């Protein structure tokens, strides 16, 4: 008697979103995670020892890292390197305030990382009213970091939430 085993493929999840924590450096009116200046971060060790092995077992090939604001996580660069070294492609959703050229250059060395920046107005006034900080310095830093991400070919997109603080003319001008 010849009995053949049925081959069942292992379960596979292509992409997973990971909320690294609730910490944030802005106070956005539309925040769906109720982010605060302080919150509980997912530890690097928990990601490395528990989450990453489960992702590998499920054949996850892409992760989207969110927060709060993922760039203010104390181990964000190590977390991104961990995923990159495991051939898990990364999309980072950020408000871009925690970026600088040094971090962007470090990110460029990683395997297939893309960055989406939240920008909810195209002036410090409109963006700031929606994001809880209308400082010209903050807005200019975000714009500078968007340009740096573009320069290093890491900018995937700009996410915007049209809102009552932005004028139609701002969208036309951009």
Protein backbone atom coordinates (compact mmCIF):
# COMPACT_ATOMS: atom_id res chain seq x y z
CA UNK A 1 0.00 0.00 0.00
CA UNK A 2 1.42 3.38 -1.04
CA UNK A 3 0.17 6.32 1.04
CA UNK A 4 1.21 9.80 0.02
CA UNK A 5 1.39 12.62 2.50
CA UNK A 6 -0.63 15.67 1.65
CA UNK A 7 1.61 18.73 1.50
CA UNK A 8 0.01 21.72 3.14
CA UNK A 9 1.76 25.05 2.65
CA UNK A 10 2.64 26.96 5.79
CA UNK A 11 0.48 29.97 6.56
CA UNK A 12 1.82 33.15 5.05
CA UNK A 13 1.24 36.79 5.84
CA UNK A 14 2.85 39.16 3.40
CA UNK A 15 2.73 42.40 5.36
CA UNK A 16 2.24 43.39 8.97
CA UNK A 17 1.87 46.75 10.72
CA UNK A 18 3.72 47.11 14.01
CA UNK A 19 2.93 49.89 16.47
CA UNK A 20 6.24 50.43 18.26
CA UNK A 21 4.79 52.59 21.01
CA UNK A 22 2.57 55.47 21.93
CA UNK A 23 5.25 58.13 22.39
CA UNK A 24 4.92 61.12 20.10
CA UNK A 25 6.45 64.56 19.74
CA UNK A 26 3.26 66.16 18.34
CA UNK A 27 -0.39 66.37 19.41
CA UNK A 28 -2.31 65.66 16.22
CA UNK A 29 -6.04 66.29 16.26
CA UNK A 30 -6.70 63.12 14.26
CA UNK A 31 -4.45 60.72 16.20
CA UNK A 32 -6.09 57.31 16.27
CA UNK A 33 -3.71 55.86 18.86
CA UNK A 34 -4.07 58.63 21.45
CA UNK A 35 -0.33 59.25 21.36
CA UNK A 36 1.25 61.21 24.16
CA UNK A 37 4.66 62.70 24.91
CA UNK A 38 5.28 59.53 26.95
CA UNK A 39 4.00 56.01 26.47
CA UNK A 40 4.92 52.36 26.51
CA UNK A 41 7.39 51.27 23.85
CA UNK A 42 7.64 47.78 22.45
CA UNK A 43 11.12 46.75 23.60
CA UNK A 44 13.88 45.80 21.20
CA UNK A 45 14.32 42.53 23.09
CA UNK A 46 10.65 41.61 22.72
CA UNK A 47 10.81 42.37 18.99
CA UNK A 48 14.03 40.36 18.57
CA UNK A 49 13.15 37.39 20.79
CA UNK A 50 9.38 37.00 20.33
CA UNK A 51 7.97 38.99 17.44
CA UNK A 52 10.69 38.47 14.81
CA UNK A 53 10.70 34.65 15.12
CA UNK A 54 6.90 34.64 14.73
CA UNK A 55 7.14 36.89 11.67
CA UNK A 56 9.73 34.60 10.10
CA UNK A 57 7.57 31.56 10.88
CA UNK A 58 4.60 33.24 9.15
CA UNK A 59 6.79 34.18 6.15
CA UNK A 60 6.22 37.92 6.65
CA UNK A 61 8.20 39.82 4.03
CA UNK A 62 7.19 43.42 4.86
CA UNK A 63 6.54 45.42 8.00
CA UNK A 64 5.15 48.91 8.41
CA UNK A 65 6.48 50.61 11.53
CA UNK A 66 4.19 53.15 13.19
CA UNK A 67 3.68 54.66 16.60
CA UNK A 68 3.03 57.22 18.12
CA UNK A 69 6.12 58.45 16.36
CA UNK A 70 8.50 55.58 15.58
CA UNK A 71 11.56 57.80 15.09
CA UNK A 72 11.58 58.74 18.78
CA UNK A 73 11.69 55.09 19.89
CA UNK A 74 14.97 54.68 21.75
CA UNK A 75 15.96 51.65 19.63
CA UNK A 76 14.44 52.54 16.26
CA UNK A 77 17.66 52.24 14.27
CA UNK A 78 18.43 48.84 15.85
CA UNK A 79 14.87 47.67 15.18
CA UNK A 80 15.06 48.67 11.53
CA UNK A 81 18.46 46.97 11.19
CA UNK A 82 17.06 43.82 12.79
CA UNK A 83 14.25 43.62 10.22
CA UNK A 84 16.56 44.53 7.37
CA UNK A 85 19.11 41.86 8.36
CA UNK A 86 16.22 39.36 8.37
CA UNK A 87 15.25 40.34 4.79
CA UNK A 88 12.03 41.91 5.99
CA UNK A 89 11.35 45.08 4.01
CA UNK A 90 10.40 48.17 5.98
CA UNK A 91 7.95 50.99 5.47
CA UNK A 92 8.31 53.68 8.09
CA UNK A 93 5.40 56.05 8.80
CA UNK A 94 6.76 59.18 10.46
CA UNK A 95 6.13 62.86 11.05
CA UNK A 96 9.84 63.34 10.14
CA UNK A 97 10.72 65.43 13.20
CA UNK A 98 12.98 62.73 14.66
CA UNK A 99 15.04 62.47 11.47
CA UNK A 100 18.36 64.04 10.60
CA UNK A 101 20.86 63.45 7.82
CA UNK A 102 22.94 61.04 9.92
CA UNK A 103 19.93 58.79 10.59
CA UNK A 104 18.82 59.01 6.96
CA UNK A 105 22.28 57.94 5.76
CA UNK A 106 22.17 55.04 8.23
CA UNK A 107 18.69 54.08 6.96
CA UNK A 108 19.96 54.17 3.37
CA UNK A 109 22.34 51.30 4.23
CA UNK A 110 19.38 49.06 5.13
CA UNK A 111 17.76 46.59 2.78
CA UNK A 112 14.71 48.06 1.00
CA UNK A 113 13.34 50.71 3.33
CA UNK A 114 10.68 53.22 2.30
CA UNK A 115 9.49 56.21 4.29
CA UNK A 116 6.06 57.83 4.31
CA UNK A 117 5.88 61.27 5.91
CA UNK A 118 2.70 62.72 7.40
CA UNK A 119 2.19 66.30 6.31
CA UNK A 120 -1.23 67.79 6.94
CA UNK A 121 -0.89 71.22 5.45
CA UNK A 122 1.64 72.94 3.28
CA UNK A 123 2.40 75.87 5.56
CA UNK A 124 3.51 76.03 9.18
CA UNK A 125 0.16 77.55 10.07
CA UNK A 126 -2.13 74.93 8.54
CA UNK A 127 0.08 71.92 9.28
CA UNK A 128 0.76 73.17 12.78
CA UNK A 129 -2.88 73.70 13.71
CA UNK A 130 -3.65 70.13 12.71
CA UNK A 131 -0.49 68.68 14.27
CA UNK A 132 -0.52 70.70 17.50
CA UNK A 133 2.64 72.74 16.85
CA UNK A 134 2.57 75.66 14.43
CA UNK A 135 6.20 76.63 14.91
CA UNK A 136 7.86 77.71 11.67
CA UNK A 137 11.03 75.94 12.89
CA UNK A 138 9.18 72.61 13.29
CA UNK A 139 7.53 72.89 9.88
CA UNK A 140 10.81 73.82 8.17
CA UNK A 141 12.55 70.85 9.80
CA UNK A 142 9.89 68.51 8.43
CA UNK A 143 10.26 69.99 4.93
CA UNK A 144 14.08 69.76 5.18
CA UNK A 145 13.83 66.10 6.20
CA UNK A 146 11.41 65.35 3.35
CA UNK A 147 13.97 66.81 0.95
CA UNK A 148 16.75 64.71 2.54
CA UNK A 149 14.66 61.54 2.28
CA UNK A 150 14.11 62.36 -1.38
CA UNK A 151 17.81 63.10 -1.93
CA UNK A 152 18.71 59.66 -0.56
CA UNK A 153 15.85 57.98 -2.49
CA UNK A 154 14.02 56.85 0.66
CA UNK A 155 10.85 58.93 0.33
CA UNK A 156 7.98 56.67 -0.63
CA UNK A 157 5.21 59.21 -0.21
CA UNK A 158 3.65 62.04 1.70
CA UNK A 159 0.51 61.19 3.60
CA UNK A 160 -1.88 64.07 4.04
CA UNK A 161 -5.24 64.47 5.69
CA UNK A 162 -7.08 67.31 4.00
CA UNK A 163 -8.52 69.40 6.77
CA UNK A 164 -10.25 72.69 7.51
CA UNK A 165 -6.94 74.38 8.40
CA UNK A 166 -5.52 74.03 4.85
CA UNK A 167 -6.68 76.07 1.93
CA UNK A 168 -7.22 74.67 -1.54
CA UNK A 169 -4.55 77.13 -2.71
CA UNK A 170 -1.92 75.36 -0.56
CA UNK A 171 -2.56 72.12 -2.42
CA UNK A 172 -2.43 73.91 -5.77
CA UNK A 173 0.83 75.67 -4.84
CA UNK A 174 2.57 72.50 -3.76
